[in-house]
Every structure is written in structure tokens, then in C-alpha cells.
Amino acid sequence: QVQLVESGGGSVEAGGSLRLSCAASGVSFNAIDMGWFRQEGPGKDREPVAVIDRYGRTIHSVVMKGRFAISRDVAKTTLYLQGTGLQPEDTAMYYCAAGDVDWRGYIPLRPSQYSYWGQGTQVTVSS
């Protein structure tokens, strides 16, 4: 059974930093794609922040202008998201997601391509 548990959210001032963690169980990082998504509020779409596939390849949102970096610890099955120079528009609920479908070399970016989700961790950036 796949379980994802996020931690590390909180409140920071504009320009500050946070590191989010996602402890994953029931998965092998060599056989699954992982990603961070965020949602500004109820009814808003979830948007990709960064993803890392089973081969270790990464894609980061261009819109977020390099403020986020995704990484993983394969041995600990833990996913990380480092945010630096955060801005008020980064305020959102951040979700960790995992997908086990093999897209044959394509790195999945759509929320619908991920089957497993954590409960989310709130990030609030004040101006």
C-alpha cells in the first residue's frame, strides 16, 4: 500500500526559504515517478511545481522562475522540495504525488497521471 506523508510547510516572509519533505512507503523510487504539485485554494487547479521520474530526470516549472528544486533520497524513499526566494504567489497547499504507470520515456506532468497523493502541507508567504 502506497502512503505519502508531507511535512515542512509553514509561514515565511517574502524572500525566505522552506524545505518540504515527503516520506513515501510501499514504493521503490526506481519504479515510480514522483512530483510536487500545488493548489491555491478549493476549486483551483493543481499545478505542477517539479517532478522527478524513476530514472532521476527532473522537470521544474518555468513559471516559478527557478525558486524550487526537487530532489530525492532513494535509500530513504523520501522526496524533497527546496524553495528559495519565495514570493506571496507561492502561497498554496503543496502535495506530494506518485505515479506507477510507465510512460515509456515521457515525464508525466499532469495531476491525472499520478495515482497516489499525500494529504498536503500548507505554505504561506507573507509580503
C-alpha atoms as a PDB file:
ATOM      1  CA  GLN A   1       0.000   0.000   0.000  1.00  0.00           C
ATOM      2  CA  VAL A   2       1.434   3.352  -1.059  1.00  0.00           C
ATOM      3  CA  GLN A   3       1.467   6.088   1.546  1.00  0.00           C
ATOM      4  CA  LEU A   4       2.817   9.609   1.155  1.00  0.00           C
ATOM      5  CA  VAL A   5       3.245  11.951   4.117  1.00  0.00           C
ATOM      6  CA  GLU A   6       4.333  15.549   3.572  1.00  0.00           C
ATOM      7  CA  SER A   7       5.961  17.785   6.162  1.00  0.00           C
ATOM      8  CA  GLY A   8       7.899  21.033   6.335  1.00  0.00           C
ATOM      9  CA  GLY A   9       5.238  23.555   5.405  1.00  0.00           C
ATOM     10  CA  GLY A  10       4.730  26.767   7.335  1.00  0.00           C
ATOM     11  CA  SER A  11       4.775  30.543   7.158  1.00  0.00           C
ATOM     12  CA  VAL A  12       7.667  32.580   5.847  1.00  0.00           C
ATOM     13  CA  GLU A  13       8.244  36.151   4.761  1.00  0.00           C
ATOM     14  CA  ALA A  14       8.842  37.014   1.116  1.00  0.00           C
ATOM     15  CA  GLY A  15      12.377  36.092   0.148  1.00  0.00           C
ATOM     16  CA  GLY A  16      12.519  33.279   2.697  1.00  0.00           C
ATOM     17  CA  SER A  17      13.129  29.560   2.256  1.00  0.00           C
ATOM     18  CA  LEU A  18      11.441  26.289   3.122  1.00  0.00           C
ATOM     19  CA  ARG A  19      12.210  22.633   2.529  1.00  0.00           C
ATOM     20  CA  LEU A  20       9.314  20.258   2.133  1.00  0.00           C
ATOM     21  CA  SER A  21       9.697  16.528   2.667  1.00  0.00           C
ATOM     22  CA  CYS A  22       7.557  13.615   1.529  1.00  0.00           C
ATOM     23  CA  ALA A  23       8.111  10.299   3.275  1.00  0.00           C
ATOM     24  CA  ALA A  24       6.970   7.522   0.962  1.00  0.00           C
ATOM     25  CA  SER A  25       6.206   3.936   1.911  1.00  0.00           C
ATOM     26  CA  GLY A  26       5.157   0.985  -0.213  1.00  0.00           C
ATOM     27  CA  VAL A  27       7.187   2.277  -3.175  1.00  0.00           C
ATOM     28  CA  SER A  28      10.535   1.865  -4.827  1.00  0.00           C
ATOM     29  CA  PHE A  29      11.839   5.130  -6.295  1.00  0.00           C
ATOM     30  CA  ASN A  30      13.403   3.187  -9.151  1.00  0.00           C
ATOM     31  CA  ALA A  31       9.971   2.065 -10.321  1.00  0.00           C
ATOM     32  CA  ILE A  32       7.836   5.138  -9.767  1.00  0.00           C
ATOM     33  CA  ASP A  33       7.599   8.791 -10.827  1.00  0.00           C
ATOM     34  CA  MET A  34       7.269  11.415  -8.113  1.00  0.00           C
ATOM     35  CA  GLY A  35       6.188  15.019  -8.139  1.00  0.00           C
ATOM     36  CA  TRP A  36       5.227  18.109  -6.189  1.00  0.00           C
ATOM     37  CA  PHE A  37       2.032  19.922  -7.106  1.00  0.00           C
ATOM     38  CA  ARG A  38       0.351  22.905  -5.533  1.00  0.00           C
ATOM     39  CA  GLN A  39      -3.184  24.209  -5.268  1.00  0.00           C
ATOM     40  CA  GLU A  40      -4.006  27.793  -4.313  1.00  0.00           C
ATOM     41  CA  GLY A  41      -7.393  27.003  -2.872  1.00  0.00           C
ATOM     42  CA  PRO A  42     -10.566  24.921  -3.190  1.00  0.00           C
ATOM     43  CA  GLY A  43     -11.786  24.864  -6.760  1.00  0.00           C
ATOM     44  CA  LYS A  44      -8.426  25.866  -8.176  1.00  0.00           C
ATOM     45  CA  ASP A  45      -6.490  23.520 -10.435  1.00  0.00           C
ATOM     46  CA  ARG A  46      -3.453  21.696  -9.100  1.00  0.00           C
ATOM     47  CA  GLU A  47      -0.344  22.786 -10.966  1.00  0.00           C
ATOM     48  CA  PRO A  48       2.988  21.007 -11.209  1.00  0.00           C
ATOM     49  CA  VAL A  49       5.879  22.547  -9.310  1.00  0.00           C
ATOM     50  CA  ALA A  50       8.510  19.926 -10.127  1.00  0.00           C
ATOM     51  CA  VAL A  51       8.650  16.243 -10.989  1.00  0.00           C
ATOM     52  CA  ILE A  52      11.344  13.571 -10.927  1.00  0.00           C
ATOM     53  CA  ASP A  53      10.865  10.338 -12.818  1.00  0.00           C
ATOM     54  CA  ARG A  54      12.028   6.830 -11.963  1.00  0.00           C
ATOM     55  CA  TYR A  55      15.264   7.438 -13.895  1.00  0.00           C
ATOM     56  CA  GLY A  56      16.090  10.569 -11.903  1.00  0.00           C
ATOM     57  CA  ARG A  57      15.248  13.051 -14.657  1.00  0.00           C
ATOM     58  CA  THR A  58      13.662  16.270 -13.451  1.00  0.00           C
ATOM     59  CA  ILE A  59      11.390  18.982 -14.784  1.00  0.00           C
ATOM     60  CA  HIS A  60      10.819  22.237 -12.905  1.00  0.00           C
ATOM     61  CA  SER A  61       8.095  24.740 -13.592  1.00  0.00           C
ATOM     62  CA  VAL A  62       9.364  27.579 -15.755  1.00  0.00           C
ATOM     63  CA  VAL A  63       6.607  29.818 -14.413  1.00  0.00           C
ATOM     64  CA  MET A  64       8.074  29.594 -10.920  1.00  0.00           C
ATOM     65  CA  LYS A  65      11.337  31.037 -12.198  1.00  0.00           C
ATOM     66  CA  GLY A  66      13.832  28.726 -10.504  1.00  0.00           C
ATOM     67  CA  ARG A  67      12.517  29.181  -6.976  1.00  0.00           C
ATOM     68  CA  PHE A  68      12.094  25.437  -6.432  1.00  0.00           C
ATOM     69  CA  ALA A  69      14.375  22.408  -6.673  1.00  0.00           C
ATOM     70  CA  ILE A  70      13.238  18.808  -6.410  1.00  0.00           C
ATOM     71  CA  SER A  71      15.434  16.010  -5.124  1.00  0.00           C
ATOM     72  CA  ARG A  72      15.072  12.549  -3.691  1.00  0.00           C
ATOM     73  CA  ASP A  73      16.829  10.111  -1.376  1.00  0.00           C
ATOM     74  CA  VAL A  74      16.316   6.704  -2.944  1.00  0.00           C
ATOM     75  CA  ALA A  75      17.514   4.765   0.112  1.00  0.00           C
ATOM     76  CA  LYS A  76      15.202   6.679   2.457  1.00  0.00           C
ATOM     77  CA  THR A  77      12.340   6.814  -0.104  1.00  0.00           C
ATOM     78  CA  THR A  78      11.963  10.492   0.732  1.00  0.00           C
ATOM     79  CA  LEU A  79      11.208  13.261  -1.745  1.00  0.00           C
ATOM     80  CA  TYR A  80      12.208  16.869  -1.127  1.00  0.00           C
ATOM     81  CA  LEU A  81      11.280  20.281  -2.470  1.00  0.00           C
ATOM     82  CA  GLN A  82      13.578  23.180  -1.655  1.00  0.00           C
ATOM     83  CA  GLY A  83      12.015  26.576  -2.082  1.00  0.00           C
ATOM     84  CA  THR A  84      14.158  29.715  -2.012  1.00  0.00           C
ATOM     85  CA  GLY A  85      13.337  33.368  -2.596  1.00  0.00           C
ATOM     86  CA  LEU A  86       9.682  32.543  -2.017  1.00  0.00           C
ATOM     87  CA  GLN A  87       7.049  35.057  -3.035  1.00  0.00           C
ATOM     88  CA  PRO A  88       3.453  35.648  -1.884  1.00  0.00           C
ATOM     89  CA  GLU A  89       2.193  33.995  -5.064  1.00  0.00           C
ATOM     90  CA  ASP A  90       3.807  30.762  -3.838  1.00  0.00           C
ATOM     91  CA  THR A  91       1.192  30.563  -1.075  1.00  0.00           C
ATOM     92  CA  ALA A  92      -0.645  27.291  -1.618  1.00  0.00           C
ATOM     93  CA  MET A  93      -1.206  23.769  -0.376  1.00  0.00           C
ATOM     94  CA  TYR A  94       1.660  21.622  -1.608  1.00  0.00           C
ATOM     95  CA  TYR A  95       1.056  17.968  -2.433  1.00  0.00           C
ATOM     96  CA  CYS A  96       3.407  15.071  -2.997  1.00  0.00           C
ATOM     97  CA  ALA A  97       2.316  12.604  -5.670  1.00  0.00           C
ATOM     98  CA  ALA A  98       3.455   9.261  -7.037  1.00  0.00           C
ATOM     99  CA  GLY A  99       2.664   7.521 -10.296  1.00  0.00           C
ATOM    100  CA  ASP A 100       3.461   3.936 -11.239  1.00  0.00           C
ATOM    101  CA  VAL A 101       2.409   3.945 -14.908  1.00  0.00           C
ATOM    102  CA  ASP A 102       5.357   3.556 -17.255  1.00  0.00           C
ATOM    103  CA  TRP A 103       5.013   6.381 -19.803  1.00  0.00           C
ATOM    104  CA  ARG A 104       7.840   4.945 -21.868  1.00  0.00           C
ATOM    105  CA  GLY A 105      10.327   7.756 -21.510  1.00  0.00           C
ATOM    106  CA  TYR A 106       7.836  10.596 -21.179  1.00  0.00           C
ATOM    107  CA  ILE A 107       7.971  12.508 -17.872  1.00  0.00           C
ATOM    108  CA  PRO A 108       4.389  12.922 -16.626  1.00  0.00           C
ATOM    109  CA  LEU A 109       3.316  16.450 -15.688  1.00  0.00           C
ATOM    110  CA  ARG A 110      -0.461  16.238 -15.366  1.00  0.00           C
ATOM    111  CA  PRO A 111      -2.042  15.542 -11.962  1.00  0.00           C
ATOM    112  CA  SER A 112      -4.238  12.902 -13.620  1.00  0.00           C
ATOM    113  CA  GLN A 113      -1.101  10.893 -14.387  1.00  0.00           C
ATOM    114  CA  TYR A 114      -0.393  10.384 -10.693  1.00  0.00           C
ATOM    115  CA  SER A 115      -2.337   7.769  -8.747  1.00  0.00           C
ATOM    116  CA  TYR A 116      -1.197   8.399  -5.197  1.00  0.00           C
ATOM    117  CA  TRP A 117      -1.354  11.624  -3.210  1.00  0.00           C
ATOM    118  CA  GLY A 118      -0.374  12.862   0.218  1.00  0.00           C
ATOM    119  CA  GLN A 119      -2.608  14.964   2.432  1.00  0.00           C
ATOM    120  CA  GLY A 120      -0.763  18.179   1.600  1.00  0.00           C
ATOM    121  CA  THR A 121       1.222  20.728   3.569  1.00  0.00           C
ATOM    122  CA  GLN A 122       0.377  24.439   3.639  1.00  0.00           C
ATOM    123  CA  VAL A 123       2.930  27.061   2.626  1.00  0.00           C
ATOM    124  CA  THR A 124       2.107  30.702   3.344  1.00  0.00           C
ATOM    125  CA  VAL A 125       4.377  33.512   2.156  1.00  0.00           C
ATOM    126  CA  SER A 126       3.709  36.984   3.532  1.00  0.00           C
ATOM    127  CA  SER A 127       4.802  40.215   1.890  1.00  0.00           C
END
